[in-house]
Amino acid sequence: MEQKIRCDLNMGDNLRRLRLDHKISQEKLCAELQRRGCDIGRSTYAKYEAGELNIKASVLVELHRIYDCSYEDFFAGIGNKE
C-alpha cells in the first residue's frame, strides 16, 4: 500500500523537467521502472511530479540510472533562498 507522507521539499518540477528532456511519457517511464523492479504506477508517479507524494529512494536510484544524470539534477534549485 502506498503511504502518503508529509511532503517536505518538492522536487516534482525537476522530475518533470528530466522526463520531458528525455522525451518520455509518464506511462513509458513507469513501464521502464517496473521492468527494473520498481512497483510504481502512472498515477503514483504523477503525484511525485505534482509534489503530492514524496518519491521513494529506490525510484530515485532507478531514475538516476535511466536518465544518466547526477543526483544534483533532482535537487536543483530546491532549498535556495532568493
N, C-alpha and C. Protein backbone atom coordinates (compact mmCIF):
# COMPACT_ATOMS: atom_id res chain seq x y z
N MET A 1 0.84 -1.18 0.00
CA MET A 1 0.00 0.00 0.00
C MET A 1 0.89 1.24 0.00
N GLU A 2 0.59 2.17 -0.91
CA GLU A 2 1.33 3.42 -1.00
C GLU A 2 0.91 4.31 0.15
N GLN A 3 1.87 4.84 0.87
CA GLN A 3 1.56 5.66 2.02
C GLN A 3 1.97 7.10 1.75
N LYS A 4 1.04 8.00 1.95
CA LYS A 4 1.35 9.42 1.80
C LYS A 4 2.06 9.89 3.07
N ILE A 5 3.21 10.50 2.86
CA ILE A 5 3.92 11.07 3.99
C ILE A 5 3.94 12.58 3.82
N ARG A 6 4.07 13.25 4.93
CA ARG A 6 4.03 14.70 4.87
C ARG A 6 5.13 15.20 3.94
N CYS A 7 4.74 15.98 2.97
CA CYS A 7 5.70 16.44 1.98
C CYS A 7 6.69 17.41 2.59
N ASP A 8 7.89 17.30 2.12
CA ASP A 8 8.97 18.15 2.56
C ASP A 8 9.28 19.10 1.41
N LEU A 9 10.47 19.10 0.92
CA LEU A 9 10.82 19.91 -0.24
C LEU A 9 10.34 19.20 -1.50
N ASN A 10 9.87 19.96 -2.46
CA ASN A 10 9.26 19.40 -3.66
C ASN A 10 10.26 19.34 -4.81
N MET A 11 10.53 18.15 -5.31
CA MET A 11 11.40 18.00 -6.46
C MET A 11 10.59 17.68 -7.72
N GLY A 12 9.28 17.83 -7.65
CA GLY A 12 8.41 17.49 -8.77
C GLY A 12 8.74 18.19 -10.06
N ASP A 13 9.07 19.48 -9.98
CA ASP A 13 9.40 20.21 -11.21
C ASP A 13 10.65 19.64 -11.86
N ASN A 14 11.62 19.24 -11.05
CA ASN A 14 12.85 18.64 -11.59
C ASN A 14 12.56 17.27 -12.19
N LEU A 15 11.70 16.49 -11.56
CA LEU A 15 11.33 15.18 -12.12
C LEU A 15 10.66 15.36 -13.48
N ARG A 16 9.75 16.33 -13.56
CA ARG A 16 9.05 16.60 -14.82
C ARG A 16 10.03 17.07 -15.89
N ARG A 17 10.92 18.00 -15.52
CA ARG A 17 11.88 18.52 -16.48
C ARG A 17 12.78 17.42 -17.04
N LEU A 18 13.29 16.57 -16.17
CA LEU A 18 14.15 15.48 -16.62
C LEU A 18 13.40 14.53 -17.55
N ARG A 19 12.16 14.22 -17.19
CA ARG A 19 11.36 13.31 -18.03
C ARG A 19 11.12 13.92 -19.40
N LEU A 20 10.74 15.19 -19.42
CA LEU A 20 10.47 15.85 -20.70
C LEU A 20 11.74 16.03 -21.52
N ASP A 21 12.86 16.30 -20.86
CA ASP A 21 14.15 16.41 -21.56
C ASP A 21 14.49 15.11 -22.27
N HIS A 22 14.04 13.99 -21.70
CA HIS A 22 14.31 12.68 -22.31
C HIS A 22 13.17 12.21 -23.21
N LYS A 23 12.20 13.10 -23.40
CA LYS A 23 11.08 12.85 -24.33
C LYS A 23 10.40 11.51 -24.07
N ILE A 24 10.01 11.31 -22.81
CA ILE A 24 9.36 10.06 -22.43
C ILE A 24 8.07 10.39 -21.67
N SER A 25 7.04 9.64 -21.94
CA SER A 25 5.76 9.86 -21.24
C SER A 25 5.83 9.24 -19.85
N GLN A 26 4.92 9.66 -19.00
CA GLN A 26 4.85 9.06 -17.66
C GLN A 26 4.59 7.57 -17.77
N GLU A 27 3.71 7.18 -18.68
CA GLU A 27 3.39 5.75 -18.82
C GLU A 27 4.61 4.93 -19.25
N LYS A 28 5.35 5.42 -20.23
CA LYS A 28 6.54 4.68 -20.68
C LYS A 28 7.62 4.66 -19.60
N LEU A 29 7.74 5.76 -18.88
CA LEU A 29 8.72 5.80 -17.80
C LEU A 29 8.36 4.79 -16.71
N CYS A 30 7.09 4.74 -16.35
CA CYS A 30 6.65 3.80 -15.31
C CYS A 30 6.82 2.35 -15.78
N ALA A 31 6.58 2.10 -17.06
CA ALA A 31 6.80 0.75 -17.59
C ALA A 31 8.27 0.36 -17.46
N GLU A 32 9.17 1.30 -17.74
CA GLU A 32 10.60 1.02 -17.60
C GLU A 32 10.98 0.83 -16.14
N LEU A 33 10.42 1.65 -15.25
CA LEU A 33 10.69 1.49 -13.83
C LEU A 33 10.20 0.13 -13.34
N GLN A 34 9.03 -0.30 -13.80
CA GLN A 34 8.50 -1.62 -13.41
C GLN A 34 9.41 -2.73 -13.93
N ARG A 35 9.90 -2.58 -15.15
CA ARG A 35 10.82 -3.57 -15.73
C ARG A 35 12.08 -3.68 -14.88
N ARG A 36 12.45 -2.59 -14.23
CA ARG A 36 13.65 -2.56 -13.39
C ARG A 36 13.36 -2.90 -11.94
N GLY A 37 12.12 -3.30 -11.65
CA GLY A 37 11.79 -3.78 -10.30
C GLY A 37 11.11 -2.79 -9.39
N CYS A 38 10.79 -1.60 -9.88
CA CYS A 38 10.07 -0.62 -9.05
C CYS A 38 8.58 -0.79 -9.30
N ASP A 39 7.86 -1.09 -8.25
CA ASP A 39 6.41 -1.27 -8.36
C ASP A 39 5.74 0.09 -8.28
N ILE A 40 5.56 0.72 -9.42
CA ILE A 40 5.02 2.08 -9.47
C ILE A 40 4.09 2.22 -10.67
N GLY A 41 2.97 2.86 -10.43
CA GLY A 41 2.01 3.13 -11.50
C GLY A 41 2.09 4.58 -11.91
N ARG A 42 1.46 4.89 -13.04
CA ARG A 42 1.49 6.24 -13.57
C ARG A 42 0.87 7.25 -12.62
N SER A 43 -0.22 6.88 -11.96
CA SER A 43 -0.88 7.83 -11.06
C SER A 43 0.01 8.16 -9.87
N THR A 44 0.76 7.20 -9.37
CA THR A 44 1.70 7.47 -8.28
C THR A 44 2.82 8.37 -8.76
N TYR A 45 3.35 8.08 -9.96
CA TYR A 45 4.42 8.92 -10.48
C TYR A 45 3.94 10.35 -10.72
N ALA A 46 2.70 10.49 -11.19
CA ALA A 46 2.13 11.82 -11.40
C ALA A 46 2.08 12.59 -10.09
N LYS A 47 1.82 11.90 -8.99
CA LYS A 47 1.81 12.55 -7.67
C LYS A 47 3.21 12.99 -7.27
N TYR A 48 4.24 12.25 -7.67
CA TYR A 48 5.62 12.69 -7.41
C TYR A 48 5.87 14.02 -8.12
N GLU A 49 5.50 14.08 -9.40
CA GLU A 49 5.73 15.30 -10.18
C GLU A 49 4.90 16.47 -9.66
N ALA A 50 3.72 16.19 -9.15
CA ALA A 50 2.84 17.24 -8.64
C ALA A 50 3.21 17.68 -7.23
N GLY A 51 4.13 16.97 -6.60
CA GLY A 51 4.53 17.30 -5.24
C GLY A 51 3.54 16.84 -4.19
N GLU A 52 2.67 15.92 -4.55
CA GLU A 52 1.67 15.40 -3.62
C GLU A 52 2.16 14.19 -2.85
N LEU A 53 3.27 13.62 -3.27
CA LEU A 53 3.79 12.41 -2.66
C LEU A 53 5.31 12.46 -2.74
N ASN A 54 5.97 12.09 -1.66
CA ASN A 54 7.43 12.04 -1.67
C ASN A 54 7.89 10.80 -2.43
N ILE A 55 8.95 10.97 -3.20
CA ILE A 55 9.46 9.88 -4.03
C ILE A 55 10.26 8.90 -3.17
N LYS A 56 10.15 7.63 -3.49
CA LYS A 56 10.92 6.60 -2.79
C LYS A 56 12.37 6.63 -3.28
N ALA A 57 13.28 6.34 -2.38
CA ALA A 57 14.70 6.33 -2.73
C ALA A 57 14.98 5.32 -3.84
N SER A 58 14.32 4.16 -3.82
CA SER A 58 14.56 3.15 -4.85
C SER A 58 14.16 3.66 -6.23
N VAL A 59 13.10 4.45 -6.31
CA VAL A 59 12.68 5.02 -7.59
C VAL A 59 13.69 6.07 -8.04
N LEU A 60 14.16 6.88 -7.11
CA LEU A 60 15.15 7.90 -7.43
C LEU A 60 16.44 7.28 -7.97
N VAL A 61 16.86 6.18 -7.38
CA VAL A 61 18.07 5.48 -7.85
C VAL A 61 17.87 5.00 -9.28
N GLU A 62 16.72 4.43 -9.58
CA GLU A 62 16.47 3.94 -10.95
C GLU A 62 16.34 5.09 -11.94
N LEU A 63 15.73 6.20 -11.53
CA LEU A 63 15.65 7.36 -12.42
C LEU A 63 17.04 7.89 -12.73
N HIS A 64 17.90 7.90 -11.72
CA HIS A 64 19.29 8.31 -11.90
C HIS A 64 19.95 7.44 -12.98
N ARG A 65 19.69 6.16 -12.95
CA ARG A 65 20.26 5.23 -13.95
C ARG A 65 19.63 5.43 -15.32
N ILE A 66 18.32 5.61 -15.36
CA ILE A 66 17.62 5.79 -16.64
C ILE A 66 18.09 7.07 -17.33
N TYR A 67 18.13 8.16 -16.58
CA TYR A 67 18.47 9.46 -17.15
C TYR A 67 19.97 9.69 -17.29
N ASP A 68 20.78 8.84 -16.63
CA ASP A 68 22.23 9.01 -16.64
C ASP A 68 22.60 10.44 -16.26
N CYS A 69 22.03 10.88 -15.15
CA CYS A 69 22.24 12.24 -14.67
C CYS A 69 22.85 12.18 -13.28
N SER A 70 23.21 13.34 -12.77
CA SER A 70 23.72 13.39 -11.40
C SER A 70 22.54 13.48 -10.44
N TYR A 71 22.76 13.10 -9.22
CA TYR A 71 21.70 13.24 -8.22
C TYR A 71 21.39 14.72 -7.98
N GLU A 72 22.36 15.57 -8.18
CA GLU A 72 22.13 17.00 -8.01
C GLU A 72 21.04 17.52 -8.95
N ASP A 73 20.89 16.88 -10.12
CA ASP A 73 19.85 17.30 -11.06
C ASP A 73 18.45 17.15 -10.46
N PHE A 74 18.27 16.20 -9.56
CA PHE A 74 16.96 16.02 -8.94
C PHE A 74 16.68 17.12 -7.91
N PHE A 75 17.74 17.69 -7.36
CA PHE A 75 17.59 18.66 -6.28
C PHE A 75 17.89 20.10 -6.70
N ALA A 76 18.06 20.33 -7.99
CA ALA A 76 18.41 21.67 -8.50
C ALA A 76 17.38 22.70 -8.05
N GLY A 77 17.87 23.76 -7.43
CA GLY A 77 17.01 24.86 -7.03
C GLY A 77 16.18 24.63 -5.78
N ILE A 78 16.26 23.46 -5.20
CA ILE A 78 15.47 23.17 -4.01
C ILE A 78 16.19 23.71 -2.78
N GLY A 79 15.48 24.47 -1.99
CA GLY A 79 16.04 25.00 -0.76
C GLY A 79 16.84 26.27 -0.93
N ASN A 80 16.94 26.75 -2.16
CA ASN A 80 17.66 28.01 -2.37
C ASN A 80 16.80 29.17 -1.90
N LYS A 81 17.38 30.04 -1.13
CA LYS A 81 16.67 31.24 -0.70
C LYS A 81 17.04 32.37 -1.64
N GLU A 82 16.03 32.92 -2.29
CA GLU A 82 16.30 34.01 -3.24
C GLU A 82 15.54 35.23 -2.85
